Amino acid sequence: MRQAFLARFFPHSKIVQLRNQIIRFTQKDGKSLYDAWERFNEMLRRYPHHGLEKWLIIHTFYNGLLSTTKMNVDAAACGALMNKTYTRAYALIEDMTQNYYQWTSERAITVFAPPPSKKEAGMYKISTLNHLSAKVDTLFQKN
Protein backbone atom coordinates (compact mmCIF):
# COMPACT_ATOMS: atom_id res chain seq x y z
CA MET A 1 0.00 0.00 0.00
CA ARG A 2 2.82 2.38 0.94
CA GLN A 3 4.66 1.69 -2.30
CA ALA A 4 1.49 2.31 -4.32
CA PHE A 5 0.93 5.64 -2.54
CA LEU A 6 4.52 6.76 -3.06
CA ALA A 7 4.49 5.71 -6.70
CA ARG A 8 1.28 7.66 -7.32
CA PHE A 9 2.05 10.88 -5.44
CA PHE A 10 5.84 10.83 -5.47
CA PRO A 11 7.05 9.68 -8.88
CA HIS A 12 10.80 9.28 -9.31
CA SER A 13 11.18 12.71 -10.92
CA LYS A 14 9.50 14.41 -7.96
CA ILE A 15 11.60 12.44 -5.47
CA VAL A 16 14.79 13.58 -7.21
CA GLN A 17 13.57 17.20 -7.31
CA LEU A 18 12.65 17.26 -3.59
CA ARG A 19 15.88 15.55 -2.53
CA ASN A 20 17.90 18.06 -4.58
CA GLN A 21 16.07 20.95 -2.90
CA ILE A 22 17.14 19.58 0.47
CA ILE A 23 20.74 18.94 -0.59
CA ARG A 24 21.11 22.38 -2.22
CA PHE A 25 19.75 24.23 0.82
CA THR A 26 21.25 27.67 1.50
CA GLN A 27 20.50 30.32 4.10
CA LYS A 28 19.02 33.40 2.48
CA ASP A 29 20.65 36.80 2.96
CA GLY A 30 19.20 38.70 5.88
CA LYS A 31 17.56 35.61 7.39
CA SER A 32 18.41 34.36 10.86
CA LEU A 33 19.56 30.94 11.96
CA TYR A 34 16.02 30.38 13.24
CA ASP A 35 14.50 31.24 9.85
CA ALA A 36 16.97 29.00 8.03
CA TRP A 37 16.34 26.07 10.40
CA GLU A 38 12.57 26.45 10.06
CA ARG A 39 12.78 26.54 6.25
CA PHE A 40 15.13 23.54 6.18
CA ASN A 41 12.85 21.53 8.47
CA GLU A 42 9.86 22.44 6.31
CA MET A 43 11.69 20.91 3.34
CA LEU A 44 12.28 17.74 5.36
CA ARG A 45 8.61 17.62 6.43
CA ARG A 46 7.42 17.97 2.82
CA TYR A 47 9.44 14.91 1.91
CA PRO A 48 9.68 12.68 5.01
CA HIS A 49 10.91 9.64 3.06
CA HIS A 50 13.92 11.50 1.63
CA GLY A 51 16.26 8.66 2.59
CA LEU A 52 19.05 10.98 3.78
CA GLU A 53 21.08 9.81 6.74
CA LYS A 54 20.89 11.87 9.93
CA TRP A 55 24.53 12.97 9.79
CA LEU A 56 24.05 14.11 6.17
CA ILE A 57 21.04 16.22 7.15
CA ILE A 58 23.12 18.15 9.71
CA HIS A 59 26.04 18.52 7.28
CA THR A 60 23.71 19.75 4.55
CA PHE A 61 22.14 22.34 6.82
CA TYR A 62 25.49 23.54 8.20
CA ASN A 63 27.12 23.74 4.77
CA GLY A 64 24.21 25.84 3.51
CA LEU A 65 24.61 28.49 6.21
CA LEU A 66 26.19 31.87 5.58
CA SER A 67 29.76 32.14 6.86
CA THR A 68 28.80 34.55 9.68
CA THR A 69 26.13 32.16 10.90
CA LYS A 70 28.56 29.23 10.71
CA MET A 71 30.99 31.16 12.90
CA ASN A 72 28.26 31.76 15.49
CA VAL A 73 27.23 28.10 15.46
CA ASP A 74 30.85 26.94 15.79
CA ALA A 75 31.39 29.36 18.66
CA ALA A 76 28.33 27.99 20.44
CA ALA A 77 29.64 24.47 19.81
CA CYS A 78 32.97 25.40 21.44
CA GLY A 79 34.70 24.31 18.26
CA ALA A 80 33.53 22.95 14.95
CA LEU A 81 29.92 21.78 14.89
CA MET A 82 30.92 19.08 12.43
CA ASN A 83 33.09 17.46 15.12
CA LYS A 84 29.98 16.78 17.21
CA THR A 85 27.81 13.69 17.02
CA TYR A 86 24.51 14.00 15.19
CA THR A 87 22.61 14.07 18.48
CA ARG A 88 24.75 16.84 19.99
CA ALA A 89 24.83 18.90 16.80
CA TYR A 90 21.06 18.63 16.36
CA ALA A 91 20.45 19.55 20.01
CA LEU A 92 22.77 22.55 19.76
CA ILE A 93 21.02 23.90 16.66
CA GLU A 94 17.62 23.34 18.27
CA ASP A 95 18.74 25.17 21.43
CA MET A 96 20.18 28.08 19.46
CA THR A 97 17.08 28.49 17.32
CA GLN A 98 14.73 28.27 20.30
CA ASN A 99 16.79 30.84 22.18
CA TYR A 100 16.69 33.13 19.17
CA TYR A 101 12.94 32.73 18.88
CA GLN A 102 12.44 33.66 22.53
CA TRP A 103 14.77 36.66 22.53
CA THR A 104 13.36 40.06 21.64
CA SER A 105 16.43 42.22 22.09
CA GLU A 106 18.29 43.88 19.22
CA ARG A 107 21.44 42.02 20.31
CA ALA A 108 19.84 38.67 19.47
CA ILE A 109 19.00 39.85 15.99
CA THR A 110 22.55 41.13 15.48
CA VAL A 111 24.17 37.91 16.67
CA PHE A 112 22.12 35.40 14.72
CA ALA A 113 21.16 37.32 11.59
CA PRO A 114 23.45 38.79 8.98
CA PRO A 115 23.26 42.59 8.70
CA PRO A 116 20.20 43.82 6.82
CA SER A 117 20.50 44.90 3.22
CA LYS A 118 20.61 48.56 2.18
CA LYS A 119 17.95 50.81 3.67
CA GLU A 120 15.91 53.07 1.48
CA ALA A 121 16.16 56.78 2.23
CA GLY A 122 13.72 57.91 4.89
CA MET A 123 12.60 54.41 5.84
CA TYR A 124 13.31 52.37 8.94
CA LYS A 125 13.38 48.61 8.84
CA ILE A 126 12.16 46.80 11.94
CA SER A 127 11.89 43.11 12.55
CA THR A 128 8.52 41.42 12.69
CA LEU A 129 9.26 40.32 16.24
CA ASN A 130 9.95 43.91 17.38
CA HIS A 131 6.82 45.12 15.56
CA LEU A 132 4.67 42.46 17.24
CA SER A 133 6.21 43.24 20.62
CA ALA A 134 5.38 46.94 20.19
CA LYS A 135 1.78 46.07 19.27
CA VAL A 136 1.39 43.87 22.36
CA ASP A 137 2.87 46.62 24.57
CA THR A 138 0.42 49.12 23.08
CA LEU A 139 -2.53 46.84 23.78
CA PHE A 140 -1.50 46.39 27.41
CA GLN A 141 -1.03 50.13 27.90
CA LYS A 142 -4.58 50.81 26.71
CA ASN A 143 -6.08 48.39 29.26
C-alpha atoms as a PDB file:
ATOM      1  CA  MET A   1       0.000   0.000   0.000  1.00  0.00           C
ATOM      2  CA  ARG A   2       2.823   2.375   0.941  1.00  0.00           C
ATOM      3  CA  GLN A   3       4.663   1.692  -2.302  1.00  0.00           C
ATOM      4  CA  ALA A   4       1.489   2.314  -4.318  1.00  0.00           C
ATOM      5  CA  PHE A   5       0.926   5.638  -2.536  1.00  0.00           C
ATOM      6  CA  LEU A   6       4.518   6.757  -3.063  1.00  0.00           C
ATOM      7  CA  ALA A   7       4.487   5.707  -6.703  1.00  0.00           C
ATOM      8  CA  ARG A   8       1.279   7.660  -7.318  1.00  0.00           C
ATOM      9  CA  PHE A   9       2.047  10.878  -5.442  1.00  0.00           C
ATOM     10  CA  PHE A  10       5.844  10.832  -5.469  1.00  0.00           C
ATOM     11  CA  PRO A  11       7.051   9.682  -8.880  1.00  0.00           C
ATOM     12  CA  HIS A  12      10.800   9.278  -9.309  1.00  0.00           C
ATOM     13  CA  SER A  13      11.175  12.711 -10.924  1.00  0.00           C
ATOM     14  CA  LYS A  14       9.495  14.412  -7.961  1.00  0.00           C
ATOM     15  CA  ILE A  15      11.600  12.441  -5.474  1.00  0.00           C
ATOM     16  CA  VAL A  16      14.790  13.585  -7.215  1.00  0.00           C
ATOM     17  CA  GLN A  17      13.566  17.199  -7.309  1.00  0.00           C
ATOM     18  CA  LEU A  18      12.655  17.262  -3.593  1.00  0.00           C
ATOM     19  CA  ARG A  19      15.882  15.553  -2.525  1.00  0.00           C
ATOM     20  CA  ASN A  20      17.896  18.055  -4.581  1.00  0.00           C
ATOM     21  CA  GLN A  21      16.075  20.947  -2.896  1.00  0.00           C
ATOM     22  CA  ILE A  22      17.144  19.583   0.471  1.00  0.00           C
ATOM     23  CA  ILE A  23      20.736  18.940  -0.588  1.00  0.00           C
ATOM     24  CA  ARG A  24      21.107  22.383  -2.223  1.00  0.00           C
ATOM     25  CA  PHE A  25      19.745  24.233   0.821  1.00  0.00           C
ATOM     26  CA  THR A  26      21.248  27.670   1.496  1.00  0.00           C
ATOM     27  CA  GLN A  27      20.496  30.316   4.096  1.00  0.00           C
ATOM     28  CA  LYS A  28      19.020  33.401   2.480  1.00  0.00           C
ATOM     29  CA  ASP A  29      20.651  36.803   2.965  1.00  0.00           C
ATOM     30  CA  GLY A  30      19.197  38.700   5.884  1.00  0.00           C
ATOM     31  CA  LYS A  31      17.563  35.608   7.389  1.00  0.00           C
ATOM     32  CA  SER A  32      18.412  34.365  10.857  1.00  0.00           C
ATOM     33  CA  LEU A  33      19.560  30.937  11.957  1.00  0.00           C
ATOM     34  CA  TYR A  34      16.023  30.383  13.243  1.00  0.00           C
ATOM     35  CA  ASP A  35      14.500  31.243   9.849  1.00  0.00           C
ATOM     36  CA  ALA A  36      16.975  28.999   8.027  1.00  0.00           C
ATOM     37  CA  TRP A  37      16.335  26.071  10.404  1.00  0.00           C
ATOM     38  CA  GLU A  38      12.568  26.446  10.057  1.00  0.00           C
ATOM     39  CA  ARG A  39      12.776  26.540   6.252  1.00  0.00           C
ATOM     40  CA  PHE A  40      15.125  23.539   6.176  1.00  0.00           C
ATOM     41  CA  ASN A  41      12.850  21.526   8.466  1.00  0.00           C
ATOM     42  CA  GLU A  42       9.863  22.436   6.311  1.00  0.00           C
ATOM     43  CA  MET A  43      11.693  20.905   3.341  1.00  0.00           C
ATOM     44  CA  LEU A  44      12.284  17.745   5.363  1.00  0.00           C
ATOM     45  CA  ARG A  45       8.612  17.623   6.431  1.00  0.00           C
ATOM     46  CA  ARG A  46       7.425  17.967   2.822  1.00  0.00           C
ATOM     47  CA  TYR A  47       9.438  14.912   1.912  1.00  0.00           C
ATOM     48  CA  PRO A  48       9.679  12.677   5.007  1.00  0.00           C
ATOM     49  CA  HIS A  49      10.906   9.641   3.060  1.00  0.00           C
ATOM     50  CA  HIS A  50      13.924  11.497   1.626  1.00  0.00           C
ATOM     51  CA  GLY A  51      16.258   8.660   2.587  1.00  0.00           C
ATOM     52  CA  LEU A  52      19.050  10.976   3.781  1.00  0.00           C
ATOM     53  CA  GLU A  53      21.077   9.807   6.742  1.00  0.00           C
ATOM     54  CA  LYS A  54      20.886  11.872   9.930  1.00  0.00           C
ATOM     55  CA  TRP A  55      24.529  12.973   9.786  1.00  0.00           C
ATOM     56  CA  LEU A  56      24.053  14.109   6.171  1.00  0.00           C
ATOM     57  CA  ILE A  57      21.044  16.215   7.154  1.00  0.00           C
ATOM     58  CA  ILE A  58      23.118  18.150   9.713  1.00  0.00           C
ATOM     59  CA  HIS A  59      26.044  18.517   7.283  1.00  0.00           C
ATOM     60  CA  THR A  60      23.710  19.746   4.547  1.00  0.00           C
ATOM     61  CA  PHE A  61      22.142  22.338   6.822  1.00  0.00           C
ATOM     62  CA  TYR A  62      25.487  23.540   8.199  1.00  0.00           C
ATOM     63  CA  ASN A  63      27.118  23.739   4.773  1.00  0.00           C
ATOM     64  CA  GLY A  64      24.213  25.837   3.505  1.00  0.00           C
ATOM     65  CA  LEU A  65      24.611  28.488   6.211  1.00  0.00           C
ATOM     66  CA  LEU A  66      26.189  31.868   5.577  1.00  0.00           C
ATOM     67  CA  SER A  67      29.759  32.137   6.863  1.00  0.00           C
ATOM     68  CA  THR A  68      28.800  34.550   9.680  1.00  0.00           C
ATOM     69  CA  THR A  69      26.128  32.157  10.902  1.00  0.00           C
ATOM     70  CA  LYS A  70      28.556  29.229  10.714  1.00  0.00           C
ATOM     71  CA  MET A  71      30.990  31.161  12.896  1.00  0.00           C
ATOM     72  CA  ASN A  72      28.262  31.759  15.492  1.00  0.00           C
ATOM     73  CA  VAL A  73      27.229  28.098  15.460  1.00  0.00           C
ATOM     74  CA  ASP A  74      30.848  26.940  15.785  1.00  0.00           C
ATOM     75  CA  ALA A  75      31.394  29.360  18.662  1.00  0.00           C
ATOM     76  CA  ALA A  76      28.334  27.991  20.436  1.00  0.00           C
ATOM     77  CA  ALA A  77      29.640  24.473  19.807  1.00  0.00           C
ATOM     78  CA  CYS A  78      32.971  25.397  21.441  1.00  0.00           C
ATOM     79  CA  GLY A  79      34.704  24.313  18.263  1.00  0.00           C
ATOM     80  CA  ALA A  80      33.533  22.946  14.948  1.00  0.00           C
ATOM     81  CA  LEU A  81      29.919  21.781  14.893  1.00  0.00           C
ATOM     82  CA  MET A  82      30.923  19.079  12.431  1.00  0.00           C
ATOM     83  CA  ASN A  83      33.089  17.462  15.124  1.00  0.00           C
ATOM     84  CA  LYS A  84      29.975  16.777  17.212  1.00  0.00           C
ATOM     85  CA  THR A  85      27.811  13.691  17.019  1.00  0.00           C
ATOM     86  CA  TYR A  86      24.515  13.997  15.187  1.00  0.00           C
ATOM     87  CA  THR A  87      22.612  14.068  18.475  1.00  0.00           C
ATOM     88  CA  ARG A  88      24.751  16.839  19.988  1.00  0.00           C
ATOM     89  CA  ALA A  89      24.826  18.898  16.796  1.00  0.00           C
ATOM     90  CA  TYR A  90      21.058  18.634  16.363  1.00  0.00           C
ATOM     91  CA  ALA A  91      20.447  19.549  20.014  1.00  0.00           C
ATOM     92  CA  LEU A  92      22.771  22.552  19.759  1.00  0.00           C
ATOM     93  CA  ILE A  93      21.023  23.898  16.656  1.00  0.00           C
ATOM     94  CA  GLU A  94      17.619  23.338  18.267  1.00  0.00           C
ATOM     95  CA  ASP A  95      18.738  25.167  21.425  1.00  0.00           C
ATOM     96  CA  MET A  96      20.184  28.076  19.458  1.00  0.00           C
ATOM     97  CA  THR A  97      17.080  28.487  17.319  1.00  0.00           C
ATOM     98  CA  GLN A  98      14.726  28.271  20.301  1.00  0.00           C
ATOM     99  CA  ASN A  99      16.790  30.842  22.180  1.00  0.00           C
ATOM    100  CA  TYR A 100      16.692  33.131  19.169  1.00  0.00           C
ATOM    101  CA  TYR A 101      12.945  32.727  18.880  1.00  0.00           C
ATOM    102  CA  GLN A 102      12.437  33.664  22.527  1.00  0.00           C
ATOM    103  CA  TRP A 103      14.772  36.664  22.530  1.00  0.00           C
ATOM    104  CA  THR A 104      13.360  40.056  21.641  1.00  0.00           C
ATOM    105  CA  SER A 105      16.425  42.223  22.095  1.00  0.00           C
ATOM    106  CA  GLU A 106      18.288  43.877  19.225  1.00  0.00           C
ATOM    107  CA  ARG A 107      21.436  42.019  20.310  1.00  0.00           C
ATOM    108  CA  ALA A 108      19.844  38.666  19.469  1.00  0.00           C
ATOM    109  CA  ILE A 109      18.997  39.852  15.989  1.00  0.00           C
ATOM    110  CA  THR A 110      22.546  41.129  15.480  1.00  0.00           C
ATOM    111  CA  VAL A 111      24.172  37.908  16.675  1.00  0.00           C
ATOM    112  CA  PHE A 112      22.123  35.397  14.717  1.00  0.00           C
ATOM    113  CA  ALA A 113      21.159  37.319  11.586  1.00  0.00           C
ATOM    114  CA  PRO A 114      23.454  38.795   8.982  1.00  0.00           C
ATOM    115  CA  PRO A 115      23.257  42.588   8.696  1.00  0.00           C
ATOM    116  CA  PRO A 116      20.198  43.821   6.821  1.00  0.00           C
ATOM    117  CA  SER A 117      20.497  44.904   3.221  1.00  0.00           C
ATOM    118  CA  LYS A 118      20.609  48.559   2.183  1.00  0.00           C
ATOM    119  CA  LYS A 119      17.945  50.815   3.670  1.00  0.00           C
ATOM    120  CA  GLU A 120      15.905  53.073   1.479  1.00  0.00           C
ATOM    121  CA  ALA A 121      16.160  56.778   2.233  1.00  0.00           C
ATOM    122  CA  GLY A 122      13.715  57.906   4.888  1.00  0.00           C
ATOM    123  CA  MET A 123      12.595  54.405   5.842  1.00  0.00           C
ATOM    124  CA  TYR A 124      13.308  52.374   8.942  1.00  0.00           C
ATOM    125  CA  LYS A 125      13.380  48.609   8.843  1.00  0.00           C
ATOM    126  CA  ILE A 126      12.157  46.799  11.939  1.00  0.00           C
ATOM    127  CA  SER A 127      11.892  43.106  12.548  1.00  0.00           C
ATOM    128  CA  THR A 128       8.515  41.422  12.686  1.00  0.00           C
ATOM    129  CA  LEU A 129       9.263  40.322  16.242  1.00  0.00           C
ATOM    130  CA  ASN A 130       9.946  43.908  17.382  1.00  0.00           C
ATOM    131  CA  HIS A 131       6.824  45.116  15.559  1.00  0.00           C
ATOM    132  CA  LEU A 132       4.673  42.459  17.235  1.00  0.00           C
ATOM    133  CA  SER A 133       6.213  43.243  20.623  1.00  0.00           C
ATOM    134  CA  ALA A 134       5.383  46.936  20.189  1.00  0.00           C
ATOM    135  CA  LYS A 135       1.778  46.069  19.267  1.00  0.00           C
ATOM    136  CA  VAL A 136       1.388  43.873  22.363  1.00  0.00           C
ATOM    137  CA  ASP A 137       2.867  46.616  24.571  1.00  0.00           C
ATOM    138  CA  THR A 138       0.419  49.119  23.078  1.00  0.00           C
ATOM    139  CA  LEU A 139      -2.529  46.842  23.778  1.00  0.00           C
ATOM    140  CA  PHE A 140      -1.498  46.386  27.407  1.00  0.00           C
ATOM    141  CA  GLN A 141      -1.026  50.128  27.902  1.00  0.00           C
ATOM    142  CA  LYS A 142      -4.583  50.809  26.713  1.00  0.00           C
ATOM    143  CA  ASN A 143      -6.079  48.395  29.257  1.00  0.00           C
END
